[in-house]
């Protein structure tokens, strides 16, 4: 689960920018898609991300070529391209950090 803030360009054929925040995970306890609101656990905790604050995933999406404004944004903010799968990150988090899972369930 996560919160998404999305922006779409009005001047390009297809270009969009999204921020994904508050990325959370919990294991499925059966075939139901119902989630227990008390079992969500943050994936962006500072131990896992090695940051001092919760992170946001920025996605830049476009067809064929990045628009010039997007290239300028990446350059100006000195952004680096990284691969990030919310699903794989959450699965890895569940398997590698059982102490956080136990603490979150007891909260």
PDB file of N, CA and C in Angstrom:
ATOM      1  N   UNK A   1       0.849  -1.169   0.000  1.00  0.00           N
ATOM      2  CA  UNK A   1       0.000   0.000   0.000  1.00  0.00           C
ATOM      3  C   UNK A   1       0.897   1.234   0.000  1.00  0.00           C
ATOM      4  N   UNK A   2       0.449   2.280  -0.667  1.00  0.00           N
ATOM      5  CA  UNK A   2       1.216   3.518  -0.694  1.00  0.00           C
ATOM      6  C   UNK A   2       0.306   4.660  -1.112  1.00  0.00           C
ATOM      7  N   UNK A   3       0.774   5.868  -0.871  1.00  0.00           N
ATOM      8  CA  UNK A   3       0.063   7.070  -1.315  1.00  0.00           C
ATOM      9  C   UNK A   3       0.762   7.578  -2.567  1.00  0.00           C
ATOM     10  N   UNK A   4      -0.009   7.890  -3.588  1.00  0.00           N
ATOM     11  CA  UNK A   4       0.560   8.380  -4.853  1.00  0.00           C
ATOM     12  C   UNK A   4       0.053   9.780  -5.140  1.00  0.00           C
ATOM     13  N   UNK A   5       0.991  10.632  -5.528  1.00  0.00           N
ATOM     14  CA  UNK A   5       0.686  11.987  -5.993  1.00  0.00           C
ATOM     15  C   UNK A   5       1.186  12.045  -7.434  1.00  0.00           C
ATOM     16  N   UNK A   6       0.273  12.242  -8.388  1.00  0.00           N
ATOM     17  CA  UNK A   6       0.649  12.163  -9.798  1.00  0.00           C
ATOM     18  C   UNK A   6       0.388  13.478 -10.527  1.00  0.00           C
ATOM     19  N   UNK A   7       1.280  13.783 -11.461  1.00  0.00           N
ATOM     20  CA  UNK A   7       1.158  14.965 -12.307  1.00  0.00           C
ATOM     21  C   UNK A   7       1.329  14.529 -13.760  1.00  0.00           C
ATOM     22  N   UNK A   8       0.481  15.050 -14.635  1.00  0.00           N
ATOM     23  CA  UNK A   8       0.533  14.724 -16.057  1.00  0.00           C
ATOM     24  C   UNK A   8       0.800  15.999 -16.833  1.00  0.00           C
ATOM     25  N   UNK A   9       1.689  15.905 -17.816  1.00  0.00           N
ATOM     26  CA  UNK A   9       2.015  17.068 -18.647  1.00  0.00           C
ATOM     27  C   UNK A   9       0.891  17.369 -19.630  1.00  0.00           C
ATOM     28  N   UNK A  10       0.562  18.641 -19.761  1.00  0.00           N
ATOM     29  CA  UNK A  10      -0.436  19.084 -20.736  1.00  0.00           C
ATOM     30  C   UNK A  10       0.194  19.423 -22.089  1.00  0.00           C
ATOM     31  N   UNK A  11       1.522  19.522 -22.119  1.00  0.00           N
ATOM     32  CA  UNK A  11       2.179  19.959 -23.357  1.00  0.00           C
ATOM     33  C   UNK A  11       2.895  18.835 -24.096  1.00  0.00           C
ATOM     34  N   UNK A  12       3.056  17.675 -23.468  1.00  0.00           N
ATOM     35  CA  UNK A  12       3.737  16.545 -24.104  1.00  0.00           C
ATOM     36  C   UNK A  12       2.718  15.457 -24.437  1.00  0.00           C
ATOM     37  N   UNK A  13       3.035  14.615 -25.435  1.00  0.00           N
ATOM     38  CA  UNK A  13       2.105  13.551 -25.803  1.00  0.00           C
ATOM     39  C   UNK A  13       1.898  12.589 -24.631  1.00  0.00           C
ATOM     40  N   UNK A  14       2.939  12.248 -23.942  1.00  0.00           N
ATOM     41  CA  UNK A  14       2.811  11.452 -22.713  1.00  0.00           C
ATOM     42  C   UNK A  14       4.026  11.708 -21.837  1.00  0.00           C
ATOM     43  N   UNK A  15       3.795  12.312 -20.718  1.00  0.00           N
ATOM     44  CA  UNK A  15       4.844  12.505 -19.721  1.00  0.00           C
ATOM     45  C   UNK A  15       4.144  12.674 -18.389  1.00  0.00           C
ATOM     46  N   UNK A  16       4.622  11.950 -17.397  1.00  0.00           N
ATOM     47  CA  UNK A  16       4.048  12.119 -16.073  1.00  0.00           C
ATOM     48  C   UNK A  16       5.100  11.924 -15.010  1.00  0.00           C
ATOM     49  N   UNK A  17       4.828  12.516 -13.876  1.00  0.00           N
ATOM     50  CA  UNK A  17       5.731  12.486 -12.737  1.00  0.00           C
ATOM     51  C   UNK A  17       4.888  12.046 -11.540  1.00  0.00           C
ATOM     52  N   UNK A  18       5.350  11.049 -10.797  1.00  0.00           N
ATOM     53  CA  UNK A  18       4.605  10.604  -9.619  1.00  0.00           C
ATOM     54  C   UNK A  18       5.530  10.508  -8.415  1.00  0.00           C
ATOM     55  N   UNK A  19       4.974  10.792  -7.251  1.00  0.00           N
ATOM     56  CA  UNK A  19       5.647  10.593  -5.975  1.00  0.00           C
ATOM     57  C   UNK A  19       4.884   9.499  -5.229  1.00  0.00           C
ATOM     58  N   UNK A  20       5.572   8.476  -4.787  1.00  0.00           N
ATOM     59  CA  UNK A  20       4.972   7.434  -3.958  1.00  0.00           C
ATOM     60  C   UNK A  20       5.556   7.569  -2.561  1.00  0.00           C
ATOM     61  N   UNK A  21       4.672   7.734  -1.576  1.00  0.00           N
ATOM     62  CA  UNK A  21       5.099   7.923  -0.187  1.00  0.00           C
ATOM     63  C   UNK A  21       4.343   6.957   0.716  1.00  0.00           C
ATOM     64  N   UNK A  22       4.809   6.866   1.948  1.00  0.00           N
ATOM     65  CA  UNK A  22       4.164   6.020   2.955  1.00  0.00           C
ATOM     66  C   UNK A  22       3.960   4.604   2.429  1.00  0.00           C
ATOM     67  N   UNK A  23       5.017   4.035   1.888  1.00  0.00           N
ATOM     68  CA  UNK A  23       4.968   2.685   1.344  1.00  0.00           C
ATOM     69  C   UNK A  23       4.917   1.706   2.513  1.00  0.00           C
ATOM     70  N   UNK A  24       3.885   0.863   2.511  1.00  0.00           N
ATOM     71  CA  UNK A  24       3.683  -0.067   3.616  1.00  0.00           C
ATOM     72  C   UNK A  24       3.449  -1.475   3.085  1.00  0.00           C
ATOM     73  N   UNK A  25       3.690  -2.443   3.960  1.00  0.00           N
ATOM     74  CA  UNK A  25       3.555  -3.845   3.579  1.00  0.00           C
ATOM     75  C   UNK A  25       2.964  -4.630   4.743  1.00  0.00           C
ATOM     76  N   UNK A  26       2.276  -5.713   4.394  1.00  0.00           N
ATOM     77  CA  UNK A  26       1.874  -6.714   5.369  1.00  0.00           C
ATOM     78  C   UNK A  26       1.656  -8.019   4.615  1.00  0.00           C
ATOM     79  N   UNK A  27       1.954  -9.136   5.253  1.00  0.00           N
ATOM     80  CA  UNK A  27       1.774 -10.415   4.560  1.00  0.00           C
ATOM     81  C   UNK A  27       0.291 -10.753   4.419  1.00  0.00           C
ATOM     82  N   UNK A  28      -0.037 -11.450   3.338  1.00  0.00           N
ATOM     83  CA  UNK A  28      -1.401 -11.936   3.149  1.00  0.00           C
ATOM     84  C   UNK A  28      -1.584 -13.170   4.030  1.00  0.00           C
ATOM     85  N   UNK A  29      -2.699 -13.211   4.727  1.00  0.00           N
ATOM     86  CA  UNK A  29      -2.956 -14.327   5.627  1.00  0.00           C
ATOM     87  C   UNK A  29      -4.021 -15.265   5.056  1.00  0.00           C
ATOM     88  N   UNK A  30      -4.101 -15.341   3.781  1.00  0.00           N
ATOM     89  CA  UNK A  30      -5.087 -16.192   3.128  1.00  0.00           C
ATOM     90  C   UNK A  30      -5.426 -15.629   1.766  1.00  0.00           C
ATOM     91  N   UNK A  31      -6.571 -16.027   1.253  1.00  0.00           N
ATOM     92  CA  UNK A  31      -6.973 -15.590  -0.082  1.00  0.00           C
ATOM     93  C   UNK A  31      -7.739 -14.281  -0.089  1.00  0.00           C
ATOM     94  N   UNK A  32      -8.088 -13.767   1.065  1.00  0.00           N
ATOM     95  CA  UNK A  32      -8.849 -12.531   1.144  1.00  0.00           C
ATOM     96  C   UNK A  32      -7.956 -11.324   0.829  1.00  0.00           C
ATOM     97  N   UNK A  33      -8.546 -10.319   0.196  1.00  0.00           N
ATOM     98  CA  UNK A  33      -7.824  -9.077  -0.069  1.00  0.00           C
ATOM     99  C   UNK A  33      -8.028  -8.061   1.046  1.00  0.00           C
ATOM    100  N   UNK A  34      -8.778  -8.425   2.067  1.00  0.00           N
ATOM    101  CA  UNK A  34      -8.985  -7.560   3.220  1.00  0.00           C
ATOM    102  C   UNK A  34      -7.687  -7.464   4.016  1.00  0.00           C
ATOM    103  N   UNK A  35      -7.324  -6.266   4.415  1.00  0.00           N
ATOM    104  CA  UNK A  35      -6.092  -6.045   5.174  1.00  0.00           C
ATOM    105  C   UNK A  35      -6.441  -5.588   6.586  1.00  0.00           C
ATOM    106  N   UNK A  36      -5.658  -6.035   7.537  1.00  0.00           N
ATOM    107  CA  UNK A  36      -5.819  -5.615   8.927  1.00  0.00           C
ATOM    108  C   UNK A  36      -5.116  -4.268   9.082  1.00  0.00           C
ATOM    109  N   UNK A  37      -5.831  -3.182   9.365  1.00  0.00           N
ATOM    110  CA  UNK A  37      -5.193  -1.864   9.448  1.00  0.00           C
ATOM    111  C   UNK A  37      -4.107  -1.770  10.512  1.00  0.00           C
ATOM    112  N   UNK A  38      -4.112  -2.680  11.469  1.00  0.00           N
ATOM    113  CA  UNK A  38      -3.098  -2.657  12.538  1.00  0.00           C
ATOM    114  C   UNK A  38      -1.810  -3.365  12.138  1.00  0.00           C
ATOM    115  N   UNK A  39      -1.794  -4.071  11.006  1.00  0.00           N
ATOM    116  CA  UNK A  39      -0.626  -4.857  10.636  1.00  0.00           C
ATOM    117  C   UNK A  39       0.255  -4.213   9.566  1.00  0.00           C
ATOM    118  N   UNK A  40      -0.131  -3.054   9.060  1.00  0.00           N
ATOM    119  CA  UNK A  40       0.710  -2.383   8.057  1.00  0.00           C
ATOM    120  C   UNK A  40       2.021  -1.971   8.700  1.00  0.00           C
ATOM    121  N   UNK A  41       3.097  -2.142   7.969  1.00  0.00           N
ATOM    122  CA  UNK A  41       4.417  -1.780   8.458  1.00  0.00           C
ATOM    123  C   UNK A  41       5.124  -0.952   7.409  1.00  0.00           C
ATOM    124  N   UNK A  42       5.714   0.156   7.828  1.00  0.00           N
ATOM    125  CA  UNK A  42       6.408   1.048   6.905  1.00  0.00           C
ATOM    126  C   UNK A  42       7.615   0.361   6.290  1.00  0.00           C
ATOM    127  N   UNK A  43       7.744   0.480   4.979  1.00  0.00           N
ATOM    128  CA  UNK A  43       8.906  -0.041   4.259  1.00  0.00           C
ATOM    129  C   UNK A  43      10.011   1.006   4.244  1.00  0.00           C
ATOM    130  N   UNK A  44       9.642   2.267   4.426  1.00  0.00           N
ATOM    131  CA  UNK A  44      10.623   3.346   4.305  1.00  0.00           C
ATOM    132  C   UNK A  44      11.247   3.743   5.641  1.00  0.00           C
ATOM    133  N   UNK A  45      11.339   2.787   6.582  1.00  0.00           N
ATOM    134  CA  UNK A  45      11.990   3.148   7.844  1.00  0.00           C
ATOM    135  C   UNK A  45      13.480   3.391   7.622  1.00  0.00           C
ATOM    136  N   UNK A  46      14.063   4.201   8.460  1.00  0.00           N
ATOM    137  CA  UNK A  46      15.427   4.695   8.233  1.00  0.00           C
ATOM    138  C   UNK A  46      16.492   3.602   8.303  1.00  0.00           C
ATOM    139  N   UNK A  47      16.257   2.536   9.051  1.00  0.00           N
ATOM    140  CA  UNK A  47      17.236   1.444   9.093  1.00  0.00           C
ATOM    141  C   UNK A  47      17.365   0.798   7.718  1.00  0.00           C
ATOM    142  N   UNK A  48      16.242   0.608   7.056  1.00  0.00           N
ATOM    143  CA  UNK A  48      16.240  -0.066   5.760  1.00  0.00           C
ATOM    144  C   UNK A  48      16.759   0.836   4.643  1.00  0.00           C
ATOM    145  N   UNK A  49      16.375   2.092   4.655  1.00  0.00           N
ATOM    146  CA  UNK A  49      16.744   2.998   3.560  1.00  0.00           C
ATOM    147  C   UNK A  49      18.056   3.738   3.801  1.00  0.00           C
ATOM    148  N   UNK A  50      18.555   3.645   5.024  1.00  0.00           N
ATOM    149  CA  UNK A  50      19.795   4.348   5.405  1.00  0.00           C
ATOM    150  C   UNK A  50      19.680   5.847   5.158  1.00  0.00           C
ATOM    151  N   UNK A  51      18.532   6.393   5.541  1.00  0.00           N
ATOM    152  CA  UNK A  51      18.283   7.828   5.406  1.00  0.00           C
ATOM    153  C   UNK A  51      17.849   8.372   6.762  1.00  0.00           C
ATOM    154  N   UNK A  52      17.881   9.677   6.897  1.00  0.00           N
ATOM    155  CA  UNK A  52      17.486  10.281   8.166  1.00  0.00           C
ATOM    156  C   UNK A  52      15.982  10.575   8.208  1.00  0.00           C
ATOM    157  N   UNK A  53      15.303  10.471   7.061  1.00  0.00           N
ATOM    158  CA  UNK A  53      13.862  10.743   6.978  1.00  0.00           C
ATOM    159  C   UNK A  53      13.205   9.682   6.106  1.00  0.00           C
ATOM    160  N   UNK A  54      11.891   9.515   6.245  1.00  0.00           N
ATOM    161  CA  UNK A  54      11.200   8.612   5.321  1.00  0.00           C
ATOM    162  C   UNK A  54      11.412   9.062   3.875  1.00  0.00           C
ATOM    163  N   UNK A  55      11.439   8.127   2.970  1.00  0.00           N
ATOM    164  CA  UNK A  55      11.720   8.428   1.573  1.00  0.00           C
ATOM    165  C   UNK A  55      10.449   8.603   0.755  1.00  0.00           C
ATOM    166  N   UNK A  56      10.636   9.102  -0.445  1.00  0.00           N
ATOM    167  CA  UNK A  56       9.584   9.161  -1.461  1.00  0.00           C
ATOM    168  C   UNK A  56      10.188   8.604  -2.735  1.00  0.00           C
ATOM    169  N   UNK A  57       9.427   7.789  -3.433  1.00  0.00           N
ATOM    170  CA  UNK A  57       9.871   7.264  -4.717  1.00  0.00           C
ATOM    171  C   UNK A  57       9.339   8.201  -5.797  1.00  0.00           C
ATOM    172  N   UNK A  58      10.236   8.750  -6.584  1.00  0.00           N
ATOM    173  CA  UNK A  58       9.882   9.629  -7.694  1.00  0.00           C
ATOM    174  C   UNK A  58       9.955   8.812  -8.975  1.00  0.00           C
ATOM    175  N   UNK A  59       8.850   8.777  -9.709  1.00  0.00           N
ATOM    176  CA  UNK A  59       8.826   8.073 -10.988  1.00  0.00           C
ATOM    177  C   UNK A  59       8.650   9.103 -12.104  1.00  0.00           C
ATOM    178  N   UNK A  60       9.504   9.039 -13.098  1.00  0.00           N
ATOM    179  CA  UNK A  60       9.404   9.892 -14.277  1.00  0.00           C
ATOM    180  C   UNK A  60       9.061   8.989 -15.458  1.00  0.00           C
ATOM    181  N   UNK A  61       7.913   9.198 -16.050  1.00  0.00           N
ATOM    182  CA  UNK A  61       7.453   8.316 -17.123  1.00  0.00           C
ATOM    183  C   UNK A  61       7.230   9.123 -18.394  1.00  0.00           C
ATOM    184  N   UNK A  62       7.677   8.545 -19.523  1.00  0.00           N
ATOM    185  CA  UNK A  62       7.550   9.235 -20.803  1.00  0.00           C
ATOM    186  C   UNK A  62       7.674   8.220 -21.922  1.00  0.00           C
ATOM    187  N   UNK A  63       7.293   8.632 -23.131  1.00  0.00           N
ATOM    188  CA  UNK A  63       7.458   7.802 -24.321  1.00  0.00           C
ATOM    189  C   UNK A  63       8.721   8.212 -25.065  1.00  0.00           C
ATOM    190  N   UNK A  64       9.425   7.265 -25.569  1.00  0.00           N
ATOM    191  CA  UNK A  64      10.605   7.461 -26.411  1.00  0.00           C
ATOM    192  C   UNK A  64      11.680   8.343 -25.808  1.00  0.00           C
ATOM    193  N   UNK A  65      11.437   9.648 -25.689  1.00  0.00           N
ATOM    194  CA  UNK A  65      12.432  10.596 -25.168  1.00  0.00           C
ATOM    195  C   UNK A  65      11.862  11.389 -24.012  1.00  0.00           C
ATOM    196  N   UNK A  66      12.728  11.655 -23.046  1.00  0.00           N
ATOM    197  CA  UNK A  66      12.302  12.495 -21.922  1.00  0.00           C
ATOM    198  C   UNK A  66      12.120  13.926 -22.414  1.00  0.00           C
ATOM    199  N   UNK A  67      11.040  14.579 -21.994  1.00  0.00           N
ATOM    200  CA  UNK A  67      10.848  15.986 -22.361  1.00  0.00           C
ATOM    201  C   UNK A  67      11.970  16.848 -21.789  1.00  0.00           C
ATOM    202  N   UNK A  68      12.236  17.968 -22.423  1.00  0.00           N
ATOM    203  CA  UNK A  68      13.349  18.827 -21.992  1.00  0.00           C
ATOM    204  C   UNK A  68      13.176  19.314 -20.551  1.00  0.00           C
ATOM    205  N   UNK A  69      11.942  19.588 -20.129  1.00  0.00           N
ATOM    206  CA  UNK A  69      11.734  20.043 -18.749  1.00  0.00           C
ATOM    207  C   UNK A  69      12.093  18.953 -17.740  1.00  0.00           C
ATOM    208  N   UNK A  70      11.874  17.688 -18.127  1.00  0.00           N
ATOM    209  CA  UNK A  70      12.207  16.572 -17.242  1.00  0.00           C
ATOM    210  C   UNK A  70      13.726  16.393 -17.147  1.00  0.00           C
ATOM    211  N   UNK A  71      14.392  16.520 -18.273  1.00  0.00           N
ATOM    212  CA  UNK A  71      15.857  16.440 -18.293  1.00  0.00           C
ATOM    213  C   UNK A  71      16.444  17.555 -17.436  1.00  0.00           C
ATOM    214  N   UNK A  72      15.907  18.756 -17.549  1.00  0.00           N
ATOM    215  CA  UNK A  72      16.388  19.890 -16.749  1.00  0.00           C
ATOM    216  C   UNK A  72      16.144  19.658 -15.257  1.00  0.00           C
ATOM    217  N   UNK A  73      15.000  19.080 -14.916  1.00  0.00           N
ATOM    218  CA  UNK A  73      14.685  18.780 -13.522  1.00  0.00           C
ATOM    219  C   UNK A  73      15.687  17.799 -12.930  1.00  0.00           C
ATOM    220  N   UNK A  74      15.961  16.736 -13.647  1.00  0.00           N
ATOM    221  CA  UNK A  74      16.929  15.724 -13.191  1.00  0.00           C
ATOM    222  C   UNK A  74      18.308  16.341 -13.028  1.00  0.00           C
ATOM    223  N   UNK A  75      18.703  17.166 -13.976  1.00  0.00           N
ATOM    224  CA  UNK A  75      20.014  17.812 -13.916  1.00  0.00           C
ATOM    225  C   UNK A  75      20.101  18.794 -12.752  1.00  0.00           C
ATOM    226  N   UNK A  76      19.097  19.641 -12.624  1.00  0.00           N
ATOM    227  CA  UNK A  76      19.117  20.676 -11.586  1.00  0.00           C
ATOM    228  C   UNK A  76      19.134  20.083 -10.181  1.00  0.00           C
ATOM    229  N   UNK A  77      18.383  18.995  -9.973  1.00  0.00           N
ATOM    230  CA  UNK A  77      18.320  18.363  -8.648  1.00  0.00           C
ATOM    231  C   UNK A  77      19.388  17.285  -8.452  1.00  0.00           C
ATOM    232  N   UNK A  78      20.213  17.081  -9.492  1.00  0.00           N
ATOM    233  CA  UNK A  78      21.285  16.082  -9.456  1.00  0.00           C
ATOM    234  C   UNK A  78      20.754  14.702  -9.054  1.00  0.00           C
ATOM    235  N   UNK A  79      19.642  14.308  -9.689  1.00  0.00           N
ATOM    236  CA  UNK A  79      19.021  13.024  -9.391  1.00  0.00           C
ATOM    237  C   UNK A  79      19.798  11.894 -10.045  1.00  0.00           C
ATOM    238  N   UNK A  80      19.750  10.730  -9.404  1.00  0.00           N
ATOM    239  CA  UNK A  80      20.392   9.539  -9.952  1.00  0.00           C
ATOM    240  C   UNK A  80      19.321   8.491 -10.221  1.00  0.00           C
ATOM    241  N   UNK A  81      19.465   7.787 -11.318  1.00  0.00           N
ATOM    242  CA  UNK A  81      18.493   6.758 -11.682  1.00  0.00           C
ATOM    243  C   UNK A  81      18.750   5.490 -10.877  1.00  0.00           C
ATOM    244  N   UNK A  82      17.710   5.000 -10.224  1.00  0.00           N
ATOM    245  CA  UNK A  82      17.772   3.770  -9.456  1.00  0.00           C
ATOM    246  C   UNK A  82      16.553   2.916  -9.769  1.00  0.00           C
ATOM    247  N   UNK A  83      16.736   1.627  -9.726  1.00  0.00           N
ATOM    248  CA  UNK A  83      15.622   0.713  -9.895  1.00  0.00           C
ATOM    249  C   UNK A  83      15.008   0.430  -8.522  1.00  0.00           C
ATOM    250  N   UNK A  84      13.676   0.423  -8.441  1.00  0.00           N
ATOM    251  CA  UNK A  84      13.007   0.191  -7.165  1.00  0.00           C
ATOM    252  C   UNK A  84      11.672  -0.497  -7.428  1.00  0.00           C
ATOM    253  N   UNK A  85      11.500  -1.686  -6.896  1.00  0.00           N
ATOM    254  CA  UNK A  85      10.231  -2.394  -6.990  1.00  0.00           C
ATOM    255  C   UNK A  85       9.564  -2.363  -5.618  1.00  0.00           C
ATOM    256  N   UNK A  86       8.417  -1.705  -5.531  1.00  0.00           N
ATOM    257  CA  UNK A  86       7.713  -1.631  -4.241  1.00  0.00           C
ATOM    258  C   UNK A  86       7.387  -3.030  -3.725  1.00  0.00           C
ATOM    259  N   UNK A  87       6.953  -3.913  -4.613  1.00  0.00           N
ATOM    260  CA  UNK A  87       6.600  -5.272  -4.216  1.00  0.00           C
ATOM    261  C   UNK A  87       7.823  -6.034  -3.696  1.00  0.00           C
ATOM    262  N   UNK A  88       8.900  -6.038  -4.465  1.00  0.00           N
ATOM    263  CA  UNK A  88      10.107  -6.770  -4.057  1.00  0.00           C
ATOM    264  C   UNK A  88      10.730  -6.176  -2.797  1.00  0.00           C
ATOM    265  N   UNK A  89      10.729  -4.872  -2.696  1.00  0.00           N
ATOM    266  CA  UNK A  89      11.271  -4.204  -1.518  1.00  0.00           C
ATOM    267  C   UNK A  89      10.480  -4.601  -0.277  1.00  0.00           C
ATOM    268  N   UNK A  90       9.152  -4.599  -0.389  1.00  0.00           N
ATOM    269  CA  UNK A  90       8.293  -4.984   0.724  1.00  0.00           C
ATOM    270  C   UNK A  90       8.461  -6.437   1.107  1.00  0.00           C
ATOM    271  N   UNK A  91       8.565  -7.318   0.123  1.00  0.00           N
ATOM    272  CA  UNK A  91       8.758  -8.741   0.384  1.00  0.00           C
ATOM    273  C   UNK A  91      10.093  -8.976   1.081  1.00  0.00           C
ATOM    274  N   UNK A  92      11.130  -8.351   0.582  1.00  0.00           N
ATOM    275  CA  UNK A  92      12.448  -8.460   1.193  1.00  0.00           C
ATOM    276  C   UNK A  92      12.422  -7.923   2.620  1.00  0.00           C
ATOM    277  N   UNK A  93      11.732  -6.824   2.805  1.00  0.00           N
ATOM    278  CA  UNK A  93      11.614  -6.210   4.128  1.00  0.00           C
ATOM    279  C   UNK A  93      10.950  -7.164   5.114  1.00  0.00           C
ATOM    280  N   UNK A  94       9.885  -7.814   4.696  1.00  0.00           N
ATOM    281  CA  UNK A  94       9.184  -8.767   5.556  1.00  0.00           C
ATOM    282  C   UNK A  94      10.078  -9.937   5.948  1.00  0.00           C
ATOM    283  N   UNK A  95      10.888 -10.395   5.026  1.00  0.00           N
ATOM    284  CA  UNK A  95      11.716 -11.574   5.275  1.00  0.00           C
ATOM    285  C   UNK A  95      12.982 -11.257   6.062  1.00  0.00           C
ATOM    286  N   UNK A  96      13.548 -10.073   5.850  1.00  0.00           N
ATOM    287  CA  UNK A  96      14.838  -9.756   6.441  1.00  0.00           C
ATOM    288  C   UNK A  96      14.778  -9.059   7.790  1.00  0.00           C
ATOM    289  N   UNK A  97      13.656  -8.437   8.117  1.00  0.00           N
ATOM    290  CA  UNK A  97      13.581  -7.665   9.346  1.00  0.00           C
ATOM    291  C   UNK A  97      12.432  -8.146  10.241  1.00  0.00           C
ATOM    292  N   UNK A  98      12.500  -9.385  10.736  1.00  0.00           N
ATOM    293  CA  UNK A  98      11.396  -9.907  11.544  1.00  0.00           C
ATOM    294  C   UNK A  98      11.178  -9.129  12.834  1.00  0.00           C
ATOM    295  N   UNK A  99      12.190  -8.503  13.400  1.00  0.00           N
ATOM    296  CA  UNK A  99      12.027  -7.762  14.638  1.00  0.00           C
ATOM    297  C   UNK A  99      11.069  -6.587  14.437  1.00  0.00           C
ATOM    298  N   UNK A 100      11.144  -5.930  13.296  1.00  0.00           N
ATOM    299  CA  UNK A 100      10.237  -4.820  13.013  1.00  0.00           C
ATOM    300  C   UNK A 100       8.826  -5.336  12.810  1.00  0.00           C
ATOM    301  N   UNK A 101       8.679  -6.516  12.186  1.00  0.00           N
ATOM    302  CA  UNK A 101       7.362  -7.090  11.971  1.00  0.00           C
ATOM    303  C   UNK A 101       6.696  -7.365  13.316  1.00  0.00           C
ATOM    304  N   UNK A 102       7.428  -7.952  14.250  1.00  0.00           N
ATOM    305  CA  UNK A 102       6.891  -8.247  15.571  1.00  0.00           C
ATOM    306  C   UNK A 102       6.524  -6.974  16.316  1.00  0.00           C
ATOM    307  N   UNK A 103       7.357  -5.966  16.245  1.00  0.00           N
ATOM    308  CA  UNK A 103       7.094  -4.694  16.932  1.00  0.00           C
ATOM    309  C   UNK A 103       5.860  -4.018  16.361  1.00  0.00           C
ATOM    310  N   UNK A 104       5.691  -4.085  15.042  1.00  0.00           N
ATOM    311  CA  UNK A 104       4.561  -3.421  14.401  1.00  0.00           C
ATOM    312  C   UNK A 104       3.246  -4.109  14.767  1.00  0.00           C
ATOM    313  N   UNK A 105       3.246  -5.435  14.856  1.00  0.00           N
ATOM    314  CA  UNK A 105       2.036  -6.166  15.188  1.00  0.00           C
ATOM    315  C   UNK A 105       1.616  -5.860  16.617  1.00  0.00           C
ATOM    316  N   UNK A 106       2.580  -5.710  17.510  1.00  0.00           N
ATOM    317  CA  UNK A 106       2.275  -5.449  18.911  1.00  0.00           C
ATOM    318  C   UNK A 106       1.876  -4.007  19.194  1.00  0.00           C
ATOM    319  N   UNK A 107       2.067  -3.122  18.238  1.00  0.00           N
ATOM    320  CA  UNK A 107       1.789  -1.689  18.458  1.00  0.00           C
ATOM    321  C   UNK A 107       0.315  -1.393  18.492  1.00  0.00           C
TER     322      UNK A 107
END
